[in-house]
Every structure is written in structure tokens, then in C-alpha cells.
Amino acid sequence: MSGILIVDDNANIRRLLRSFVETNTVFEVCGEAENGPEGFEKAEELRPDLILLDLMLPDLDGISICELLRRQPATCEIPIIMITALGGEIARLAAFDSGVNDYLRKPFSPRELVKHVDGLLRGYESKIRSEENEKQNSSNWG
């Protein structure tokens, strides 16, 4: 596992998310980014296991980053949790339309974040194992 990438323009939020993740889960933070373009570059470079992505970012917002990541073969399968202070239905639906896997509204507790991260990564790992088993089974028959 390579870890979790945090993309948020607020340094205090990044520190808080890092602390939540590293104190309450078995996962580590593999990188941080403070704006959209940097977040996109780090996602391509690090290929994290999961991205915690702020919706409202300077230069390139979270929805645009998610759409770009979903178009790249190397990053299209990375689970993404959109984190935002916006709670309206329009923002949430736009996030899901862009390809995010989960949506978490600020403020949230460490336990709530951990549940979202654990649930998403468990599902992602199961999917990968299933795909590997299918490949192995098809090669045994071929």
C-alpha cells in the first residue's frame, strides 16, 4: 500500500486530516497538495490507495480534478472521498457525477472519517482481489 493523498488548500485541515488518518487507521499519508494542479500531479506520481479531495480549491476545483483523474488509465480506479463544507444537493450530485466514490461534509469527527476511509478501501481491495482471481482463473482455462 502506498497510502492516502490529501488535497486541501488549508494547511490546518491537511494537518488535521493527516492526524485523523495516521492516529485512527492502519494507513499512512503518502502526500499532500494545496491546490488542484499539484493534487493532480501528485496523484499521477504517487498513485495513492485513496485520495481525500477538497471540493473548493484554487486554480482547479475538486470536481475538475476528479474528472481528470477518471480519464487517466493510471488513476481512474483510485477511490476518492470528496470533502467539503458545502452541503447542498447540487454540490453532492456534481461530486458524484464527476466520479467520486464518497462524499464527506465538514465538520466531521475522526470516527466518521475513519469509517468512510475503511469502508471505501475494504471495498477497493475486495474488487482488486476479485479481478486478480478472475484473471488467474481465465488463464488456467486458456
Foldseek 3Di string as FASTA:
>chain_A
DQFEEEEAQDPVVVVVVQCLDVVPHPGHHNYYHNALVVSLVCCLVRVHQEYEAEQDGPPAGRLRSLLVQCVDPSRVLRAYEYEYQDDDPVSVVSNVVSPHPYYHHPPDDSVVVVVVVVVVSVVSVVVVVVVVVVVVVVVVVD
